[in-house]
Amino acid sequence: MQTVIAILITLTLVGLNAFLYIRNKQTPVPEGCENLKPDCAACGIGDCALRSKFLEMKEEENGDH
């Protein structure tokens, strides 16, 4: 009986996760948040993937290759 309850709880949690994931994807982006770019000037994480992409884009915009 405990196994059945454990399986039901697991299936419920997986189903809830899938439902919320789908609903989140269907939610429209709030107005004013469509084209947000990271502001990496104050970030102290040097090996962040967003930071390296941000710095590359900034260099390209400035013409510094």
PDB file of N, CA and C in Angstrom:
ATOM      1  N   MET A   1       0.819  -1.199   0.000  1.00  0.00           N
ATOM      2  CA  MET A   1       0.000   0.000   0.000  1.00  0.00           C
ATOM      3  C   MET A   1       0.860   1.259   0.000  1.00  0.00           C
ATOM      4  N   GLN A   2       1.971   1.230   0.733  1.00  0.00           N
ATOM      5  CA  GLN A   2       2.854   2.398   0.781  1.00  0.00           C
ATOM      6  C   GLN A   2       3.468   2.672  -0.593  1.00  0.00           C
ATOM      7  N   THR A   3       3.728   1.612  -1.348  1.00  0.00           N
ATOM      8  CA  THR A   3       4.295   1.765  -2.684  1.00  0.00           C
ATOM      9  C   THR A   3       3.308   2.469  -3.606  1.00  0.00           C
ATOM     10  N   VAL A   4       2.054   2.097  -3.508  1.00  0.00           N
ATOM     11  CA  VAL A   4       1.016   2.716  -4.336  1.00  0.00           C
ATOM     12  C   VAL A   4       0.881   4.195  -3.992  1.00  0.00           C
ATOM     13  N   ILE A   5       0.902   4.521  -2.729  1.00  0.00           N
ATOM     14  CA  ILE A   5       0.807   5.920  -2.300  1.00  0.00           C
ATOM     15  C   ILE A   5       2.022   6.699  -2.789  1.00  0.00           C
ATOM     16  N   ALA A   6       3.204   6.105  -2.693  1.00  0.00           N
ATOM     17  CA  ALA A   6       4.427   6.767  -3.161  1.00  0.00           C
ATOM     18  C   ALA A   6       4.375   7.011  -4.670  1.00  0.00           C
ATOM     19  N   ILE A   7       3.873   6.045  -5.413  1.00  0.00           N
ATOM     20  CA  ILE A   7       3.754   6.195  -6.867  1.00  0.00           C
ATOM     21  C   ILE A   7       2.737   7.277  -7.206  1.00  0.00           C
ATOM     22  N   LEU A   8       1.615   7.308  -6.505  1.00  0.00           N
ATOM     23  CA  LEU A   8       0.599   8.335  -6.743  1.00  0.00           C
ATOM     24  C   LEU A   8       1.130   9.740  -6.434  1.00  0.00           C
ATOM     25  N   ILE A   9       1.851   9.869  -5.343  1.00  0.00           N
ATOM     26  CA  ILE A   9       2.434  11.171  -4.999  1.00  0.00           C
ATOM     27  C   ILE A   9       3.437  11.597  -6.060  1.00  0.00           C
ATOM     28  N   THR A  10       4.279  10.676  -6.514  1.00  0.00           N
ATOM     29  CA  THR A  10       5.274  10.984  -7.541  1.00  0.00           C
ATOM     30  C   THR A  10       4.600  11.392  -8.843  1.00  0.00           C
ATOM     31  N   LEU A  11       3.601  10.634  -9.259  1.00  0.00           N
ATOM     32  CA  LEU A  11       2.889  10.973 -10.492  1.00  0.00           C
ATOM     33  C   LEU A  11       2.182  12.319 -10.386  1.00  0.00           C
ATOM     34  N   THR A  12       1.634  12.610  -9.224  1.00  0.00           N
ATOM     35  CA  THR A  12       0.976  13.894  -9.006  1.00  0.00           C
ATOM     36  C   THR A  12       1.977  15.037  -9.121  1.00  0.00           C
ATOM     37  N   LEU A  13       3.138  14.880  -8.508  1.00  0.00           N
ATOM     38  CA  LEU A  13       4.158  15.923  -8.573  1.00  0.00           C
ATOM     39  C   LEU A  13       4.694  16.111  -9.994  1.00  0.00           C
ATOM     40  N   VAL A  14       4.905  15.019 -10.717  1.00  0.00           N
ATOM     41  CA  VAL A  14       5.372  15.109 -12.097  1.00  0.00           C
ATOM     42  C   VAL A  14       4.307  15.778 -12.963  1.00  0.00           C
ATOM     43  N   GLY A  15       3.063  15.393 -12.781  1.00  0.00           N
ATOM     44  CA  GLY A  15       1.971  16.006 -13.542  1.00  0.00           C
ATOM     45  C   GLY A  15       1.825  17.489 -13.239  1.00  0.00           C
ATOM     46  N   LEU A  16       1.933  17.864 -11.974  1.00  0.00           N
ATOM     47  CA  LEU A  16       1.854  19.261 -11.581  1.00  0.00           C
ATOM     48  C   LEU A  16       3.010  20.051 -12.199  1.00  0.00           C
ATOM     49  N   ASN A  17       4.200  19.471 -12.174  1.00  0.00           N
ATOM     50  CA  ASN A  17       5.358  20.133 -12.769  1.00  0.00           C
ATOM     51  C   ASN A  17       5.151  20.342 -14.269  1.00  0.00           C
ATOM     52  N   ALA A  18       4.675  19.339 -14.971  1.00  0.00           N
ATOM     53  CA  ALA A  18       4.437  19.446 -16.414  1.00  0.00           C
ATOM     54  C   ALA A  18       3.365  20.496 -16.701  1.00  0.00           C
ATOM     55  N   PHE A  19       2.292  20.478 -15.944  1.00  0.00           N
ATOM     56  CA  PHE A  19       1.212  21.454 -16.126  1.00  0.00           C
ATOM     57  C   PHE A  19       1.710  22.883 -15.923  1.00  0.00           C
ATOM     58  N   LEU A  20       2.454  23.117 -14.838  1.00  0.00           N
ATOM     59  CA  LEU A  20       2.954  24.457 -14.556  1.00  0.00           C
ATOM     60  C   LEU A  20       3.987  24.900 -15.581  1.00  0.00           C
ATOM     61  N   TYR A  21       4.795  23.985 -16.080  1.00  0.00           N
ATOM     62  CA  TYR A  21       5.776  24.303 -17.121  1.00  0.00           C
ATOM     63  C   TYR A  21       5.065  24.765 -18.394  1.00  0.00           C
ATOM     64  N   ILE A  22       4.053  24.041 -18.796  1.00  0.00           N
ATOM     65  CA  ILE A  22       3.300  24.397 -20.000  1.00  0.00           C
ATOM     66  C   ILE A  22       2.597  25.741 -19.819  1.00  0.00           C
ATOM     67  N   ARG A  23       1.977  25.947 -18.668  1.00  0.00           N
ATOM     68  CA  ARG A  23       1.282  27.219 -18.409  1.00  0.00           C
ATOM     69  C   ARG A  23       2.273  28.387 -18.394  1.00  0.00           C
ATOM     70  N   ASN A  24       3.470  28.169 -17.861  1.00  0.00           N
ATOM     71  CA  ASN A  24       4.479  29.215 -17.827  1.00  0.00           C
ATOM     72  C   ASN A  24       4.926  29.584 -19.240  1.00  0.00           C
ATOM     73  N   LYS A  25       5.072  28.602 -20.113  1.00  0.00           N
ATOM     74  CA  LYS A  25       5.474  28.867 -21.497  1.00  0.00           C
ATOM     75  C   LYS A  25       4.382  29.630 -22.249  1.00  0.00           C
ATOM     76  N   GLN A  26       3.130  29.444 -21.876  1.00  0.00           N
ATOM     77  CA  GLN A  26       2.022  30.110 -22.545  1.00  0.00           C
ATOM     78  C   GLN A  26       1.796  31.535 -22.039  1.00  0.00           C
ATOM     79  N   THR A  27       2.415  31.893 -20.931  1.00  0.00           N
ATOM     80  CA  THR A  27       2.235  33.218 -20.355  1.00  0.00           C
ATOM     81  C   THR A  27       2.979  34.247 -21.190  1.00  0.00           C
ATOM     82  N   PRO A  28       2.320  35.324 -21.601  1.00  0.00           N
ATOM     83  CA  PRO A  28       3.009  36.341 -22.405  1.00  0.00           C
ATOM     84  C   PRO A  28       4.047  37.095 -21.571  1.00  0.00           C
ATOM     85  N   VAL A  29       5.068  37.596 -22.261  1.00  0.00           N
ATOM     86  CA  VAL A  29       6.116  38.375 -21.607  1.00  0.00           C
ATOM     87  C   VAL A  29       5.522  39.712 -21.184  1.00  0.00           C
ATOM     88  N   PRO A  30       5.784  40.163 -19.960  1.00  0.00           N
ATOM     89  CA  PRO A  30       5.231  41.443 -19.516  1.00  0.00           C
ATOM     90  C   PRO A  30       5.718  42.607 -20.377  1.00  0.00           C
ATOM     91  N   GLU A  31       4.893  43.612 -20.485  1.00  0.00           N
ATOM     92  CA  GLU A  31       5.222  44.784 -21.291  1.00  0.00           C
ATOM     93  C   GLU A  31       6.463  45.469 -20.718  1.00  0.00           C
ATOM     94  N   GLY A  32       7.394  45.764 -21.592  1.00  0.00           N
ATOM     95  CA  GLY A  32       8.632  46.410 -21.174  1.00  0.00           C
ATOM     96  C   GLY A  32       9.758  45.431 -20.888  1.00  0.00           C
ATOM     97  N   CYS A  33       9.478  44.144 -20.928  1.00  0.00           N
ATOM     98  CA  CYS A  33      10.488  43.126 -20.638  1.00  0.00           C
ATOM     99  C   CYS A  33      10.829  42.292 -21.868  1.00  0.00           C
ATOM    100  N   GLU A  34      10.481  42.757 -23.037  1.00  0.00           N
ATOM    101  CA  GLU A  34      10.657  41.959 -24.236  1.00  0.00           C
ATOM    102  C   GLU A  34      12.124  41.792 -24.623  1.00  0.00           C
ATOM    103  N   ASN A  35      12.900  42.860 -24.564  1.00  0.00           N
ATOM    104  CA  ASN A  35      14.279  42.824 -25.042  1.00  0.00           C
ATOM    105  C   ASN A  35      15.261  43.174 -23.934  1.00  0.00           C
ATOM    106  N   LEU A  36      15.164  42.497 -22.824  1.00  0.00           N
ATOM    107  CA  LEU A  36      16.065  42.774 -21.716  1.00  0.00           C
ATOM    108  C   LEU A  36      17.455  42.235 -22.021  1.00  0.00           C
ATOM    109  N   LYS A  37      18.451  43.003 -21.668  1.00  0.00           N
ATOM    110  CA  LYS A  37      19.839  42.580 -21.817  1.00  0.00           C
ATOM    111  C   LYS A  37      20.484  42.651 -20.444  1.00  0.00           C
ATOM    112  N   PRO A  38      21.405  41.743 -20.154  1.00  0.00           N
ATOM    113  CA  PRO A  38      22.026  41.759 -18.826  1.00  0.00           C
ATOM    114  C   PRO A  38      22.930  42.966 -18.651  1.00  0.00           C
ATOM    115  N   ASP A  39      22.940  43.513 -17.460  1.00  0.00           N
ATOM    116  CA  ASP A  39      23.856  44.590 -17.114  1.00  0.00           C
ATOM    117  C   ASP A  39      24.970  43.959 -16.293  1.00  0.00           C
ATOM    118  N   CYS A  40      26.026  43.605 -16.964  1.00  0.00           N
ATOM    119  CA  CYS A  40      27.092  42.832 -16.334  1.00  0.00           C
ATOM    120  C   CYS A  40      28.174  43.693 -15.702  1.00  0.00           C
ATOM    121  N   ALA A  41      27.986  44.994 -15.641  1.00  0.00           N
ATOM    122  CA  ALA A  41      29.017  45.856 -15.086  1.00  0.00           C
ATOM    123  C   ALA A  41      29.246  45.592 -13.601  1.00  0.00           C
ATOM    124  N   ALA A  42      28.208  45.250 -12.879  1.00  0.00           N
ATOM    125  CA  ALA A  42      28.348  45.077 -11.442  1.00  0.00           C
ATOM    126  C   ALA A  42      28.487  43.616 -11.025  1.00  0.00           C
ATOM    127  N   CYS A  43      28.390  42.707 -11.960  1.00  0.00           N
ATOM    128  CA  CYS A  43      28.440  41.287 -11.633  1.00  0.00           C
ATOM    129  C   CYS A  43      29.884  40.861 -11.358  1.00  0.00           C
ATOM    130  N   GLY A  44      30.086  40.103 -10.315  1.00  0.00           N
ATOM    131  CA  GLY A  44      31.428  39.660  -9.967  1.00  0.00           C
ATOM    132  C   GLY A  44      31.768  38.270 -10.451  1.00  0.00           C
ATOM    133  N   ILE A  45      30.866  37.621 -11.158  1.00  0.00           N
ATOM    134  CA  ILE A  45      31.108  36.262 -11.630  1.00  0.00           C
ATOM    135  C   ILE A  45      31.826  36.348 -12.970  1.00  0.00           C
ATOM    136  N   GLY A  46      33.085  35.981 -12.988  1.00  0.00           N
ATOM    137  CA  GLY A  46      33.897  36.121 -14.184  1.00  0.00           C
ATOM    138  C   GLY A  46      33.665  35.066 -15.236  1.00  0.00           C
ATOM    139  N   ASP A  47      33.229  33.871 -14.855  1.00  0.00           N
ATOM    140  CA  ASP A  47      33.056  32.785 -15.817  1.00  0.00           C
ATOM    141  C   ASP A  47      31.597  32.558 -16.212  1.00  0.00           C
ATOM    142  N   CYS A  48      30.781  33.575 -16.072  1.00  0.00           N
ATOM    143  CA  CYS A  48      29.369  33.491 -16.430  1.00  0.00           C
ATOM    144  C   CYS A  48      29.220  33.511 -17.950  1.00  0.00           C
ATOM    145  N   ALA A  49      28.402  32.635 -18.498  1.00  0.00           N
ATOM    146  CA  ALA A  49      28.198  32.566 -19.944  1.00  0.00           C
ATOM    147  C   ALA A  49      27.543  33.836 -20.466  1.00  0.00           C
ATOM    148  N   LEU A  50      26.623  34.395 -19.720  1.00  0.00           N
ATOM    149  CA  LEU A  50      25.973  35.640 -20.147  1.00  0.00           C
ATOM    150  C   LEU A  50      26.963  36.792 -20.181  1.00  0.00           C
ATOM    151  N   ARG A  51      27.856  36.826 -19.212  1.00  0.00           N
ATOM    152  CA  ARG A  51      28.833  37.914 -19.139  1.00  0.00           C
ATOM    153  C   ARG A  51      29.760  37.880 -20.350  1.00  0.00           C
ATOM    154  N   SER A  52      30.256  36.708 -20.722  1.00  0.00           N
ATOM    155  CA  SER A  52      31.168  36.633 -21.860  1.00  0.00           C
ATOM    156  C   SER A  52      30.458  37.031 -23.155  1.00  0.00           C
ATOM    157  N   LYS A  53      29.215  36.600 -23.338  1.00  0.00           N
ATOM    158  CA  LYS A  53      28.455  37.004 -24.523  1.00  0.00           C
ATOM    159  C   LYS A  53      28.185  38.508 -24.518  1.00  0.00           C
ATOM    160  N   PHE A  54      27.866  39.040 -23.348  1.00  0.00           N
ATOM    161  CA  PHE A  54      27.600  40.466 -23.219  1.00  0.00           C
ATOM    162  C   PHE A  54      28.841  41.285 -23.569  1.00  0.00           C
ATOM    163  N   LEU A  55      29.989  40.864 -23.064  1.00  0.00           N
ATOM    164  CA  LEU A  55      31.224  41.588 -23.355  1.00  0.00           C
ATOM    165  C   LEU A  55      31.598  41.497 -24.827  1.00  0.00           C
ATOM    166  N   GLU A  56      31.374  40.337 -25.448  1.00  0.00           N
ATOM    167  CA  GLU A  56      31.641  40.188 -26.884  1.00  0.00           C
ATOM    168  C   GLU A  56      30.739  41.115 -27.700  1.00  0.00           C
ATOM    169  N   MET A  57      29.466  41.186 -27.348  1.00  0.00           N
ATOM    170  CA  MET A  57      28.538  42.060 -28.058  1.00  0.00           C
ATOM    171  C   MET A  57      28.940  43.522 -27.885  1.00  0.00           C
ATOM    172  N   LYS A  58      29.368  43.875 -26.680  1.00  0.00           N
ATOM    173  CA  LYS A  58      29.774  45.242 -26.409  1.00  0.00           C
ATOM    174  C   LYS A  58      31.010  45.607 -27.221  1.00  0.00           C
ATOM    175  N   GLU A  59      31.965  44.676 -27.335  1.00  0.00           N
ATOM    176  CA  GLU A  59      33.171  44.927 -28.129  1.00  0.00           C
ATOM    177  C   GLU A  59      32.825  45.103 -29.609  1.00  0.00           C
ATOM    178  N   GLU A  60      31.892  44.286 -30.111  1.00  0.00           N
ATOM    179  CA  GLU A  60      31.477  44.397 -31.504  1.00  0.00           C
ATOM    180  C   GLU A  60      30.791  45.729 -31.787  1.00  0.00           C
ATOM    181  N   GLU A  61      29.987  46.189 -30.817  1.00  0.00           N
ATOM    182  CA  GLU A  61      29.304  47.472 -30.983  1.00  0.00           C
ATOM    183  C   GLU A  61      30.292  48.630 -31.005  1.00  0.00           C
ATOM    184  N   ASN A  62      31.344  48.520 -30.208  1.00  0.00           N
ATOM    185  CA  ASN A  62      32.343  49.577 -30.140  1.00  0.00           C
ATOM    186  C   ASN A  62      33.363  49.495 -31.245  1.00  0.00           C
ATOM    187  N   GLY A  63      33.391  48.374 -31.976  1.00  0.00           N
ATOM    188  CA  GLY A  63      34.351  48.199 -33.056  1.00  0.00           C
ATOM    189  C   GLY A  63      35.703  47.734 -32.563  1.00  0.00           C
ATOM    190  N   ASP A  64      35.801  47.302 -31.316  1.00  0.00           N
ATOM    191  CA  ASP A  64      37.056  46.792 -30.760  1.00  0.00           C
ATOM    192  C   ASP A  64      37.118  45.308 -30.963  1.00  0.00           C
ATOM    193  N   HIS A  65      37.902  44.846 -31.915  1.00  0.00           N
ATOM    194  CA  HIS A  65      38.005  43.392 -32.146  1.00  0.00           C
ATOM    195  C   HIS A  65      39.305  42.898 -31.626  1.00  0.00           C
TER     196      HIS A  65
END
